[in-house]
């Protein structure tokens, strides 16, 4: 992020406590993902997000809490399913946008996507 953007964000954060809370929690979450240490910090982060007073963070924190053991086990791993999910989302969006791929064709397109 450019320095002027950082300064502006810092100014906004000083004026809006919810924004400051959101920024702090998002940075902590990103740090867990990047450094693959979420298995140690995830529980504390979820509790912080749920008690933050920001409803959007409550909903976001509920997602990993639904299957906490799987999320905790997967966070330190170096593998990602992001590429596969990206292809799947692209196919689903195309199907929704163009309406030409029927329900029978969709699984075949997903399996053949690379």
PDB file of N, CA and C in Angstrom:
ATOM      1  N   UNK A   1       0.847  -1.166   0.000  1.00  0.00           N
ATOM      2  CA  UNK A   1       0.000   0.000   0.000  1.00  0.00           C
ATOM      3  C   UNK A   1       0.897   1.236   0.000  1.00  0.00           C
ATOM      4  N   UNK A   2       0.518   2.212  -0.792  1.00  0.00           N
ATOM      5  CA  UNK A   2       1.297   3.449  -0.895  1.00  0.00           C
ATOM      6  C   UNK A   2       1.202   4.243   0.406  1.00  0.00           C
ATOM      7  N   UNK A   3       2.231   5.014   0.669  1.00  0.00           N
ATOM      8  CA  UNK A   3       2.307   5.776   1.924  1.00  0.00           C
ATOM      9  C   UNK A   3       1.138   6.753   2.103  1.00  0.00           C
ATOM     10  N   UNK A   4       0.718   7.494   1.046  1.00  0.00           N
ATOM     11  CA  UNK A   4      -0.450   8.370   1.233  1.00  0.00           C
ATOM     12  C   UNK A   4      -1.711   7.592   1.615  1.00  0.00           C
ATOM     13  N   UNK A   5      -1.865   6.386   1.041  1.00  0.00           N
ATOM     14  CA  UNK A   5      -3.017   5.555   1.381  1.00  0.00           C
ATOM     15  C   UNK A   5      -2.961   5.113   2.833  1.00  0.00           C
ATOM     16  N   UNK A   6      -1.771   4.761   3.298  1.00  0.00           N
ATOM     17  CA  UNK A   6      -1.607   4.365   4.704  1.00  0.00           C
ATOM     18  C   UNK A   6      -1.969   5.514   5.641  1.00  0.00           C
ATOM     19  N   UNK A   7      -1.523   6.719   5.289  1.00  0.00           N
ATOM     20  CA  UNK A   7      -1.816   7.890   6.121  1.00  0.00           C
ATOM     21  C   UNK A   7      -3.311   8.164   6.162  1.00  0.00           C
ATOM     22  N   UNK A   8      -3.965   8.053   5.020  1.00  0.00           N
ATOM     23  CA  UNK A   8      -5.407   8.268   4.951  1.00  0.00           C
ATOM     24  C   UNK A   8      -6.160   7.210   5.755  1.00  0.00           C
ATOM     25  N   UNK A   9      -5.735   5.981   5.626  1.00  0.00           N
ATOM     26  CA  UNK A   9      -6.357   4.897   6.372  1.00  0.00           C
ATOM     27  C   UNK A   9      -6.165   5.083   7.878  1.00  0.00           C
ATOM     28  N   UNK A  10      -4.986   5.536   8.268  1.00  0.00           N
ATOM     29  CA  UNK A  10      -4.714   5.800   9.684  1.00  0.00           C
ATOM     30  C   UNK A  10      -5.609   6.919  10.208  1.00  0.00           C
ATOM     31  N   UNK A  11      -5.802   7.942   9.389  1.00  0.00           N
ATOM     32  CA  UNK A  11      -6.668   9.058   9.783  1.00  0.00           C
ATOM     33  C   UNK A  11      -8.118   8.593   9.940  1.00  0.00           C
ATOM     34  N   UNK A  12      -8.603   7.808   8.977  1.00  0.00           N
ATOM     35  CA  UNK A  12      -9.966   7.287   9.071  1.00  0.00           C
ATOM     36  C   UNK A  12     -10.128   6.379  10.288  1.00  0.00           C
ATOM     37  N   UNK A  13      -9.126   5.565  10.549  1.00  0.00           N
ATOM     38  CA  UNK A  13      -9.175   4.650  11.696  1.00  0.00           C
ATOM     39  C   UNK A  13      -9.242   5.405  13.010  1.00  0.00           C
ATOM     40  N   UNK A  14      -8.566   6.540  13.079  1.00  0.00           N
ATOM     41  CA  UNK A  14      -8.601   7.342  14.303  1.00  0.00           C
ATOM     42  C   UNK A  14      -9.985   7.947  14.526  1.00  0.00           C
ATOM     43  N   UNK A  15     -10.709   8.174  13.458  1.00  0.00           N
ATOM     44  CA  UNK A  15     -12.047   8.772  13.563  1.00  0.00           C
ATOM     45  C   UNK A  15     -13.151   7.741  13.758  1.00  0.00           C
ATOM     46  N   UNK A  16     -12.908   6.530  13.326  1.00  0.00           N
ATOM     47  CA  UNK A  16     -13.953   5.493  13.383  1.00  0.00           C
ATOM     48  C   UNK A  16     -13.392   4.266  14.102  1.00  0.00           C
ATOM     49  N   UNK A  17     -13.878   4.028  15.308  1.00  0.00           N
ATOM     50  CA  UNK A  17     -13.363   2.911  16.099  1.00  0.00           C
ATOM     51  C   UNK A  17     -13.685   1.560  15.463  1.00  0.00           C
ATOM     52  N   UNK A  18     -14.845   1.457  14.814  1.00  0.00           N
ATOM     53  CA  UNK A  18     -15.176   0.198  14.142  1.00  0.00           C
ATOM     54  C   UNK A  18     -14.175  -0.107  13.029  1.00  0.00           C
ATOM     55  N   UNK A  19     -13.795   0.908  12.278  1.00  0.00           N
ATOM     56  CA  UNK A  19     -12.813   0.701  11.215  1.00  0.00           C
ATOM     57  C   UNK A  19     -11.468   0.282  11.789  1.00  0.00           C
ATOM     58  N   UNK A  20     -11.080   0.880  12.890  1.00  0.00           N
ATOM     59  CA  UNK A  20      -9.820   0.504  13.534  1.00  0.00           C
ATOM     60  C   UNK A  20      -9.867  -0.953  13.986  1.00  0.00           C
ATOM     61  N   UNK A  21     -10.999  -1.374  14.540  1.00  0.00           N
ATOM     62  CA  UNK A  21     -11.173  -2.765  14.967  1.00  0.00           C
ATOM     63  C   UNK A  21     -11.114  -3.707  13.781  1.00  0.00           C
ATOM     64  N   UNK A  22     -11.807  -3.342  12.719  1.00  0.00           N
ATOM     65  CA  UNK A  22     -11.822  -4.178  11.515  1.00  0.00           C
ATOM     66  C   UNK A  22     -10.411  -4.318  10.946  1.00  0.00           C
ATOM     67  N   UNK A  23      -9.706  -3.217  10.831  1.00  0.00           N
ATOM     68  CA  UNK A  23      -8.345  -3.264  10.285  1.00  0.00           C
ATOM     69  C   UNK A  23      -7.431  -4.144  11.116  1.00  0.00           C
ATOM     70  N   UNK A  24      -7.520  -4.006  12.420  1.00  0.00           N
ATOM     71  CA  UNK A  24      -6.677  -4.808  13.307  1.00  0.00           C
ATOM     72  C   UNK A  24      -6.970  -6.293  13.130  1.00  0.00           C
ATOM     73  N   UNK A  25      -8.246  -6.654  13.140  1.00  0.00           N
ATOM     74  CA  UNK A  25      -8.612  -8.069  13.040  1.00  0.00           C
ATOM     75  C   UNK A  25      -8.315  -8.636  11.651  1.00  0.00           C
ATOM     76  N   UNK A  26      -8.498  -7.846  10.615  1.00  0.00           N
ATOM     77  CA  UNK A  26      -8.192  -8.323   9.261  1.00  0.00           C
ATOM     78  C   UNK A  26      -6.684  -8.535   9.112  1.00  0.00           C
ATOM     79  N   UNK A  27      -5.893  -7.613   9.647  1.00  0.00           N
ATOM     80  CA  UNK A  27      -4.438  -7.778   9.590  1.00  0.00           C
ATOM     81  C   UNK A  27      -3.993  -9.014  10.362  1.00  0.00           C
ATOM     82  N   UNK A  28      -4.595  -9.260  11.526  1.00  0.00           N
ATOM     83  CA  UNK A  28      -4.252 -10.458  12.297  1.00  0.00           C
ATOM     84  C   UNK A  28      -4.619 -11.722  11.535  1.00  0.00           C
ATOM     85  N   UNK A  29      -5.790 -11.719  10.891  1.00  0.00           N
ATOM     86  CA  UNK A  29      -6.230 -12.892  10.132  1.00  0.00           C
ATOM     87  C   UNK A  29      -5.300 -13.135   8.946  1.00  0.00           C
ATOM     88  N   UNK A  30      -4.957 -12.075   8.232  1.00  0.00           N
ATOM     89  CA  UNK A  30      -4.046 -12.207   7.089  1.00  0.00           C
ATOM     90  C   UNK A  30      -2.684 -12.722   7.537  1.00  0.00           C
ATOM     91  N   UNK A  31      -2.204 -12.248   8.675  1.00  0.00           N
ATOM     92  CA  UNK A  31      -0.916 -12.697   9.200  1.00  0.00           C
ATOM     93  C   UNK A  31      -0.960 -14.189   9.545  1.00  0.00           C
ATOM     94  N   UNK A  32      -2.087 -14.656  10.077  1.00  0.00           N
ATOM     95  CA  UNK A  32      -2.234 -16.092  10.367  1.00  0.00           C
ATOM     96  C   UNK A  32      -2.135 -16.909   9.093  1.00  0.00           C
ATOM     97  N   UNK A  33      -2.774 -16.425   8.028  1.00  0.00           N
ATOM     98  CA  UNK A  33      -2.762 -17.158   6.767  1.00  0.00           C
ATOM     99  C   UNK A  33      -1.384 -17.140   6.114  1.00  0.00           C
ATOM    100  N   UNK A  34      -0.776 -15.975   6.063  1.00  0.00           N
ATOM    101  CA  UNK A  34       0.518 -15.833   5.383  1.00  0.00           C
ATOM    102  C   UNK A  34       1.607 -16.617   6.106  1.00  0.00           C
ATOM    103  N   UNK A  35       1.635 -16.531   7.409  1.00  0.00           N
ATOM    104  CA  UNK A  35       2.685 -17.200   8.183  1.00  0.00           C
ATOM    105  C   UNK A  35       2.312 -18.607   8.641  1.00  0.00           C
ATOM    106  N   UNK A  36       1.146 -19.065   8.222  1.00  0.00           N
ATOM    107  CA  UNK A  36       0.678 -20.433   8.513  1.00  0.00           C
ATOM    108  C   UNK A  36       0.764 -20.765  10.006  1.00  0.00           C
ATOM    109  N   UNK A  37       0.273 -19.862  10.827  1.00  0.00           N
ATOM    110  CA  UNK A  37       0.293 -20.122  12.248  1.00  0.00           C
ATOM    111  C   UNK A  37      -1.107 -20.026  12.858  1.00  0.00           C
ATOM    112  N   UNK A  38      -2.103 -20.159  12.018  1.00  0.00           N
ATOM    113  CA  UNK A  38      -3.471 -20.037  12.487  1.00  0.00           C
ATOM    114  C   UNK A  38      -3.883 -21.103  13.466  1.00  0.00           C
ATOM    115  N   UNK A  39      -3.211 -22.253  13.412  1.00  0.00           N
ATOM    116  CA  UNK A  39      -3.586 -23.327  14.329  1.00  0.00           C
ATOM    117  C   UNK A  39      -3.342 -22.917  15.781  1.00  0.00           C
ATOM    118  N   UNK A  40      -2.422 -21.986  16.019  1.00  0.00           N
ATOM    119  CA  UNK A  40      -2.149 -21.523  17.382  1.00  0.00           C
ATOM    120  C   UNK A  40      -2.991 -20.304  17.748  1.00  0.00           C
ATOM    121  N   UNK A  41      -3.360 -19.475  16.777  1.00  0.00           N
ATOM    122  CA  UNK A  41      -3.991 -18.191  17.052  1.00  0.00           C
ATOM    123  C   UNK A  41      -5.466 -18.127  16.696  1.00  0.00           C
ATOM    124  N   UNK A  42      -5.990 -19.138  16.045  1.00  0.00           N
ATOM    125  CA  UNK A  42      -7.344 -19.066  15.507  1.00  0.00           C
ATOM    126  C   UNK A  42      -8.400 -18.879  16.589  1.00  0.00           C
ATOM    127  N   UNK A  43      -8.316 -19.623  17.667  1.00  0.00           N
ATOM    128  CA  UNK A  43      -9.335 -19.519  18.716  1.00  0.00           C
ATOM    129  C   UNK A  43      -9.409 -18.110  19.294  1.00  0.00           C
ATOM    130  N   UNK A  44      -8.270 -17.535  19.574  1.00  0.00           N
ATOM    131  CA  UNK A  44      -8.234 -16.176  20.105  1.00  0.00           C
ATOM    132  C   UNK A  44      -8.770 -15.167  19.107  1.00  0.00           C
ATOM    133  N   UNK A  45      -8.443 -15.364  17.826  1.00  0.00           N
ATOM    134  CA  UNK A  45      -8.934 -14.450  16.800  1.00  0.00           C
ATOM    135  C   UNK A  45     -10.452 -14.529  16.684  1.00  0.00           C
ATOM    136  N   UNK A  46     -11.001 -15.743  16.700  1.00  0.00           N
ATOM    137  CA  UNK A  46     -12.455 -15.912  16.603  1.00  0.00           C
ATOM    138  C   UNK A  46     -13.136 -15.228  17.783  1.00  0.00           C
ATOM    139  N   UNK A  47     -12.612 -15.420  18.984  1.00  0.00           N
ATOM    140  CA  UNK A  47     -13.194 -14.764  20.156  1.00  0.00           C
ATOM    141  C   UNK A  47     -13.122 -13.246  20.035  1.00  0.00           C
ATOM    142  N   UNK A  48     -12.001 -12.727  19.569  1.00  0.00           N
ATOM    143  CA  UNK A  48     -11.859 -11.277  19.396  1.00  0.00           C
ATOM    144  C   UNK A  48     -12.859 -10.743  18.372  1.00  0.00           C
ATOM    145  N   UNK A  49     -13.032 -11.470  17.274  1.00  0.00           N
ATOM    146  CA  UNK A  49     -13.963 -11.026  16.235  1.00  0.00           C
ATOM    147  C   UNK A  49     -15.403 -11.071  16.731  1.00  0.00           C
ATOM    148  N   UNK A  50     -15.749 -12.113  17.487  1.00  0.00           N
ATOM    149  CA  UNK A  50     -17.129 -12.237  17.983  1.00  0.00           C
ATOM    150  C   UNK A  50     -17.460 -11.207  19.057  1.00  0.00           C
ATOM    151  N   UNK A  51     -16.465 -10.751  19.786  1.00  0.00           N
ATOM    152  CA  UNK A  51     -16.707  -9.755  20.834  1.00  0.00           C
ATOM    153  C   UNK A  51     -16.338  -8.343  20.381  1.00  0.00           C
ATOM    154  N   UNK A  52     -16.104  -8.161  19.084  1.00  0.00           N
ATOM    155  CA  UNK A  52     -15.629  -6.874  18.575  1.00  0.00           C
ATOM    156  C   UNK A  52     -16.715  -5.808  18.532  1.00  0.00           C
ATOM    157  N   UNK A  53     -17.965  -6.205  18.484  1.00  0.00           N
ATOM    158  CA  UNK A  53     -19.034  -5.226  18.339  1.00  0.00           C
ATOM    159  C   UNK A  53     -19.331  -4.868  16.894  1.00  0.00           C
ATOM    160  N   UNK A  54     -18.656  -5.515  15.957  1.00  0.00           N
ATOM    161  CA  UNK A  54     -18.883  -5.279  14.526  1.00  0.00           C
ATOM    162  C   UNK A  54     -19.620  -6.499  13.974  1.00  0.00           C
ATOM    163  N   UNK A  55     -20.917  -6.350  13.634  1.00  0.00           N
ATOM    164  CA  UNK A  55     -21.715  -7.516  13.206  1.00  0.00           C
ATOM    165  C   UNK A  55     -21.128  -8.279  12.033  1.00  0.00           C
ATOM    166  N   UNK A  56     -20.504  -7.579  11.081  1.00  0.00           N
ATOM    167  CA  UNK A  56     -19.930  -8.259   9.915  1.00  0.00           C
ATOM    168  C   UNK A  56     -18.794  -9.181  10.313  1.00  0.00           C
ATOM    169  N   UNK A  57     -18.031  -8.799  11.311  1.00  0.00           N
ATOM    170  CA  UNK A  57     -16.958  -9.664  11.794  1.00  0.00           C
ATOM    171  C   UNK A  57     -17.506 -10.873  12.527  1.00  0.00           C
ATOM    172  N   UNK A  58     -18.651 -10.713  13.178  1.00  0.00           N
ATOM    173  CA  UNK A  58     -19.275 -11.859  13.856  1.00  0.00           C
ATOM    174  C   UNK A  58     -19.604 -12.936  12.831  1.00  0.00           C
ATOM    175  N   UNK A  59     -20.221 -12.527  11.734  1.00  0.00           N
ATOM    176  CA  UNK A  59     -20.576 -13.481  10.685  1.00  0.00           C
ATOM    177  C   UNK A  59     -19.353 -14.118  10.053  1.00  0.00           C
ATOM    178  N   UNK A  60     -18.319 -13.321   9.823  1.00  0.00           N
ATOM    179  CA  UNK A  60     -17.088 -13.846   9.234  1.00  0.00           C
ATOM    180  C   UNK A  60     -16.418 -14.844  10.176  1.00  0.00           C
ATOM    181  N   UNK A  61     -16.456 -14.577  11.470  1.00  0.00           N
ATOM    182  CA  UNK A  61     -15.826 -15.465  12.450  1.00  0.00           C
ATOM    183  C   UNK A  61     -16.614 -16.749  12.636  1.00  0.00           C
ATOM    184  N   UNK A  62     -17.902 -16.729  12.314  1.00  0.00           N
ATOM    185  CA  UNK A  62     -18.710 -17.946  12.445  1.00  0.00           C
ATOM    186  C   UNK A  62     -18.315 -19.013  11.431  1.00  0.00           C
ATOM    187  N   UNK A  63     -17.822 -18.591  10.261  1.00  0.00           N
ATOM    188  CA  UNK A  63     -17.473 -19.561   9.215  1.00  0.00           C
ATOM    189  C   UNK A  63     -16.400 -20.552   9.652  1.00  0.00           C
ATOM    190  N   UNK A  64     -15.229 -20.111  10.106  1.00  0.00           N
ATOM    191  CA  UNK A  64     -14.244 -21.110  10.539  1.00  0.00           C
ATOM    192  C   UNK A  64     -14.665 -21.832  11.813  1.00  0.00           C
ATOM    193  N   UNK A  65     -15.509 -21.210  12.619  1.00  0.00           N
ATOM    194  CA  UNK A  65     -15.941 -21.839  13.866  1.00  0.00           C
ATOM    195  C   UNK A  65     -16.843 -23.047  13.608  1.00  0.00           C
ATOM    196  N   UNK A  66     -17.480 -23.106  12.428  1.00  0.00           N
ATOM    197  CA  UNK A  66     -18.382 -24.228  12.116  1.00  0.00           C
ATOM    198  C   UNK A  66     -17.637 -25.554  12.022  1.00  0.00           C
ATOM    199  N   UNK A  67     -16.420 -25.519  11.499  1.00  0.00           N
ATOM    200  CA  UNK A  67     -15.620 -26.739  11.378  1.00  0.00           C
ATOM    201  C   UNK A  67     -14.208 -26.428  11.868  1.00  0.00           C
ATOM    202  N   UNK A  68     -14.135 -26.090  13.123  1.00  0.00           N
ATOM    203  CA  UNK A  68     -12.901 -25.574  13.710  1.00  0.00           C
ATOM    204  C   UNK A  68     -11.731 -26.548  13.599  1.00  0.00           C
ATOM    205  N   UNK A  69     -11.976 -27.825  13.818  1.00  0.00           N
ATOM    206  CA  UNK A  69     -10.878 -28.787  13.753  1.00  0.00           C
ATOM    207  C   UNK A  69     -10.256 -28.850  12.354  1.00  0.00           C
ATOM    208  N   UNK A  70     -11.094 -28.837  11.323  1.00  0.00           N
ATOM    209  CA  UNK A  70     -10.579 -28.893   9.951  1.00  0.00           C
ATOM    210  C   UNK A  70      -9.822 -27.618   9.598  1.00  0.00           C
ATOM    211  N   UNK A  71     -10.345 -26.478   9.997  1.00  0.00           N
ATOM    212  CA  UNK A  71      -9.674 -25.215   9.706  1.00  0.00           C
ATOM    213  C   UNK A  71      -8.341 -25.147  10.446  1.00  0.00           C
ATOM    214  N   UNK A  72      -8.358 -25.542  11.704  1.00  0.00           N
ATOM    215  CA  UNK A  72      -7.127 -25.510  12.503  1.00  0.00           C
ATOM    216  C   UNK A  72      -6.073 -26.448  11.908  1.00  0.00           C
ATOM    217  N   UNK A  73      -6.504 -27.593  11.403  1.00  0.00           N
ATOM    218  CA  UNK A  73      -5.561 -28.549  10.817  1.00  0.00           C
ATOM    219  C   UNK A  73      -5.041 -28.071   9.459  1.00  0.00           C
ATOM    220  N   UNK A  74      -5.853 -27.340   8.716  1.00  0.00           N
ATOM    221  CA  UNK A  74      -5.458 -26.927   7.377  1.00  0.00           C
ATOM    222  C   UNK A  74      -4.634 -25.660   7.315  1.00  0.00           C
ATOM    223  N   UNK A  75      -4.743 -24.798   8.309  1.00  0.00           N
ATOM    224  CA  UNK A  75      -4.035 -23.518   8.251  1.00  0.00           C
ATOM    225  C   UNK A  75      -2.511 -23.625   8.143  1.00  0.00           C
ATOM    226  N   UNK A  76      -1.863 -24.534   8.832  1.00  0.00           N
ATOM    227  CA  UNK A  76      -0.401 -24.563   8.716  1.00  0.00           C
ATOM    228  C   UNK A  76       0.121 -25.258   7.451  1.00  0.00           C
ATOM    229  N   UNK A  77      -0.757 -25.851   6.653  1.00  0.00           N
ATOM    230  CA  UNK A  77      -0.317 -26.584   5.466  1.00  0.00           C
ATOM    231  C   UNK A  77       0.055 -25.636   4.332  1.00  0.00           C
ATOM    232  N   UNK A  78       1.038 -26.007   3.526  1.00  0.00           N
ATOM    233  CA  UNK A  78       1.471 -25.130   2.431  1.00  0.00           C
ATOM    234  C   UNK A  78       0.572 -25.201   1.195  1.00  0.00           C
ATOM    235  N   UNK A  79      -0.370 -26.131   1.140  1.00  0.00           N
ATOM    236  CA  UNK A  79      -1.206 -26.309  -0.046  1.00  0.00           C
ATOM    237  C   UNK A  79      -2.424 -25.408   0.008  1.00  0.00           C
ATOM    238  N   UNK A  80      -2.928 -25.095  -1.182  1.00  0.00           N
ATOM    239  CA  UNK A  80      -4.108 -24.248  -1.300  1.00  0.00           C
ATOM    240  C   UNK A  80      -5.012 -24.803  -2.390  1.00  0.00           C
ATOM    241  N   UNK A  81      -6.299 -24.691  -2.191  1.00  0.00           N
ATOM    242  CA  UNK A  81      -7.252 -25.096  -3.221  1.00  0.00           C
ATOM    243  C   UNK A  81      -7.764 -23.881  -3.983  1.00  0.00           C
ATOM    244  N   UNK A  82      -7.067 -22.766  -3.854  1.00  0.00           N
ATOM    245  CA  UNK A  82      -7.497 -21.522  -4.481  1.00  0.00           C
ATOM    246  C   UNK A  82      -7.637 -21.607  -5.985  1.00  0.00           C
ATOM    247  N   UNK A  83      -6.726 -22.294  -6.655  1.00  0.00           N
ATOM    248  CA  UNK A  83      -6.789 -22.395  -8.116  1.00  0.00           C
ATOM    249  C   UNK A  83      -8.027 -23.171  -8.536  1.00  0.00           C
ATOM    250  N   UNK A  84      -8.287 -24.286  -7.876  1.00  0.00           N
ATOM    251  CA  UNK A  84      -9.464 -25.096  -8.203  1.00  0.00           C
ATOM    252  C   UNK A  84     -10.735 -24.304  -7.935  1.00  0.00           C
ATOM    253  N   UNK A  85     -10.784 -23.623  -6.793  1.00  0.00           N
ATOM    254  CA  UNK A  85     -11.961 -22.829  -6.468  1.00  0.00           C
ATOM    255  C   UNK A  85     -12.144 -21.698  -7.471  1.00  0.00           C
ATOM    256  N   UNK A  86     -11.055 -21.129  -7.931  1.00  0.00           N
ATOM    257  CA  UNK A  86     -11.147 -20.074  -8.936  1.00  0.00           C
ATOM    258  C   UNK A  86     -11.756 -20.582 -10.228  1.00  0.00           C
ATOM    259  N   UNK A  87     -11.323 -21.762 -10.682  1.00  0.00           N
ATOM    260  CA  UNK A  87     -11.900 -22.352 -11.893  1.00  0.00           C
ATOM    261  C   UNK A  87     -13.378 -22.667 -11.687  1.00  0.00           C
ATOM    262  N   UNK A  88     -13.710 -23.223 -10.537  1.00  0.00           N
ATOM    263  CA  UNK A  88     -15.096 -23.562 -10.248  1.00  0.00           C
ATOM    264  C   UNK A  88     -15.959 -22.295 -10.263  1.00  0.00           C
ATOM    265  N   UNK A  89     -15.493 -21.258  -9.598  1.00  0.00           N
ATOM    266  CA  UNK A  89     -16.262 -20.010  -9.561  1.00  0.00           C
ATOM    267  C   UNK A  89     -16.422 -19.413 -10.949  1.00  0.00           C
ATOM    268  N   UNK A  90     -15.368 -19.494 -11.751  1.00  0.00           N
ATOM    269  CA  UNK A  90     -15.438 -18.971 -13.115  1.00  0.00           C
ATOM    270  C   UNK A  90     -16.496 -19.720 -13.921  1.00  0.00           C
ATOM    271  N   UNK A  91     -16.522 -21.039 -13.789  1.00  0.00           N
ATOM    272  CA  UNK A  91     -17.493 -21.851 -14.525  1.00  0.00           C
ATOM    273  C   UNK A  91     -18.911 -21.550 -14.053  1.00  0.00           C
ATOM    274  N   UNK A  92     -19.089 -21.460 -12.750  1.00  0.00           N
ATOM    275  CA  UNK A  92     -20.420 -21.177 -12.212  1.00  0.00           C
ATOM    276  C   UNK A  92     -20.893 -19.801 -12.665  1.00  0.00           C
ATOM    277  N   UNK A  93     -19.996 -18.831 -12.642  1.00  0.00           N
ATOM    278  CA  UNK A  93     -20.375 -17.494 -13.102  1.00  0.00           C
ATOM    279  C   UNK A  93     -20.755 -17.498 -14.576  1.00  0.00           C
ATOM    280  N   UNK A  94     -19.985 -18.199 -15.376  1.00  0.00           N
ATOM    281  CA  UNK A  94     -20.319 -18.277 -16.793  1.00  0.00           C
ATOM    282  C   UNK A  94     -21.686 -18.921 -16.977  1.00  0.00           C
ATOM    283  N   UNK A  95     -21.957 -19.956 -16.224  1.00  0.00           N
ATOM    284  CA  UNK A  95     -23.235 -20.636 -16.338  1.00  0.00           C
ATOM    285  C   UNK A  95     -24.373 -19.698 -15.953  1.00  0.00           C
ATOM    286  N   UNK A  96     -24.169 -18.951 -14.887  1.00  0.00           N
ATOM    287  CA  UNK A  96     -25.199 -18.020 -14.455  1.00  0.00           C
ATOM    288  C   UNK A  96     -25.378 -16.888 -15.458  1.00  0.00           C
ATOM    289  N   UNK A  97     -24.282 -16.427 -16.013  1.00  0.00           N
ATOM    290  CA  UNK A  97     -24.355 -15.283 -16.912  1.00  0.00           C
ATOM    291  C   UNK A  97     -24.941 -15.652 -18.272  1.00  0.00           C
ATOM    292  N   UNK A  98     -24.551 -16.776 -18.802  1.00  0.00           N
ATOM    293  CA  UNK A  98     -24.962 -17.109 -20.156  1.00  0.00           C
ATOM    294  C   UNK A  98     -26.124 -18.095 -20.186  1.00  0.00           C
ATOM    295  N   UNK A  99     -26.321 -18.865 -19.123  1.00  0.00           N
ATOM    296  CA  UNK A  99     -27.447 -19.773 -19.033  1.00  0.00           C
ATOM    297  C   UNK A  99     -27.451 -20.900 -20.042  1.00  0.00           C
ATOM    298  N   UNK A 100     -26.303 -21.192 -20.643  1.00  0.00           N
ATOM    299  CA  UNK A 100     -26.274 -22.214 -21.686  1.00  0.00           C
ATOM    300  C   UNK A 100     -25.843 -23.581 -21.173  1.00  0.00           C
ATOM    301  N   UNK A 101     -25.084 -23.612 -20.114  1.00  0.00           N
ATOM    302  CA  UNK A 101     -24.598 -24.895 -19.597  1.00  0.00           C
ATOM    303  C   UNK A 101     -25.664 -25.481 -18.679  1.00  0.00           C
ATOM    304  N   UNK A 102     -26.190 -26.580 -19.061  1.00  0.00           N
ATOM    305  CA  UNK A 102     -27.220 -27.215 -18.254  1.00  0.00           C
ATOM    306  C   UNK A 102     -26.622 -27.906 -17.032  1.00  0.00           C
ATOM    307  N   UNK A 103     -27.480 -28.424 -16.193  1.00  0.00           N
ATOM    308  CA  UNK A 103     -27.033 -29.102 -14.976  1.00  0.00           C
ATOM    309  C   UNK A 103     -26.193 -30.337 -15.302  1.00  0.00           C
ATOM    310  N   UNK A 104     -26.461 -31.007 -16.406  1.00  0.00           N
ATOM    311  CA  UNK A 104     -25.688 -32.208 -16.751  1.00  0.00           C
ATOM    312  C   UNK A 104     -24.296 -31.851 -17.249  1.00  0.00           C
ATOM    313  N   UNK A 105     -24.146 -30.710 -17.901  1.00  0.00           N
ATOM    314  CA  UNK A 105     -22.856 -30.313 -18.462  1.00  0.00           C
ATOM    315  C   UNK A 105     -21.916 -29.739 -17.405  1.00  0.00           C
ATOM    316  N   UNK A 106     -22.469 -29.128 -16.390  1.00  0.00           N
ATOM    317  CA  UNK A 106     -21.649 -28.437 -15.402  1.00  0.00           C
ATOM    318  C   UNK A 106     -20.614 -29.339 -14.720  1.00  0.00           C
ATOM    319  N   UNK A 107     -20.963 -30.539 -14.197  1.00  0.00           N
ATOM    320  CA  UNK A 107     -19.937 -31.380 -13.564  1.00  0.00           C
ATOM    321  C   UNK A 107     -18.809 -31.768 -14.521  1.00  0.00           C
ATOM    322  N   UNK A 108     -19.130 -31.984 -15.788  1.00  0.00           N
ATOM    323  CA  UNK A 108     -18.103 -32.343 -16.770  1.00  0.00           C
ATOM    324  C   UNK A 108     -17.150 -31.177 -17.006  1.00  0.00           C
ATOM    325  N   UNK A 109     -17.681 -29.973 -17.070  1.00  0.00           N
ATOM    326  CA  UNK A 109     -16.821 -28.805 -17.273  1.00  0.00           C
ATOM    327  C   UNK A 109     -15.911 -28.581 -16.072  1.00  0.00           C
ATOM    328  N   UNK A 110     -16.433 -28.835 -14.871  1.00  0.00           N
ATOM    329  CA  UNK A 110     -15.617 -28.669 -13.675  1.00  0.00           C
ATOM    330  C   UNK A 110     -14.482 -29.678 -13.670  1.00  0.00           C
ATOM    331  N   UNK A 111     -14.778 -30.931 -14.021  1.00  0.00           N
ATOM    332  CA  UNK A 111     -13.746 -31.964 -14.023  1.00  0.00           C
ATOM    333  C   UNK A 111     -12.696 -31.723 -15.106  1.00  0.00           C
ATOM    334  N   UNK A 112     -13.106 -31.126 -16.215  1.00  0.00           N
ATOM    335  CA  UNK A 112     -12.180 -30.900 -17.309  1.00  0.00           C
ATOM    336  C   UNK A 112     -11.414 -29.586 -17.185  1.00  0.00           C
ATOM    337  N   UNK A 113     -11.828 -28.709 -16.276  1.00  0.00           N
ATOM    338  CA  UNK A 113     -11.139 -27.422 -16.101  1.00  0.00           C
ATOM    339  C   UNK A 113      -9.741 -27.671 -15.555  1.00  0.00           C
ATOM    340  N   UNK A 114      -8.789 -26.968 -16.079  1.00  0.00           N
ATOM    341  CA  UNK A 114      -7.424 -27.120 -15.602  1.00  0.00           C
ATOM    342  C   UNK A 114      -6.759 -25.834 -15.431  1.00  0.00           C
TER     343      UNK A 114
END
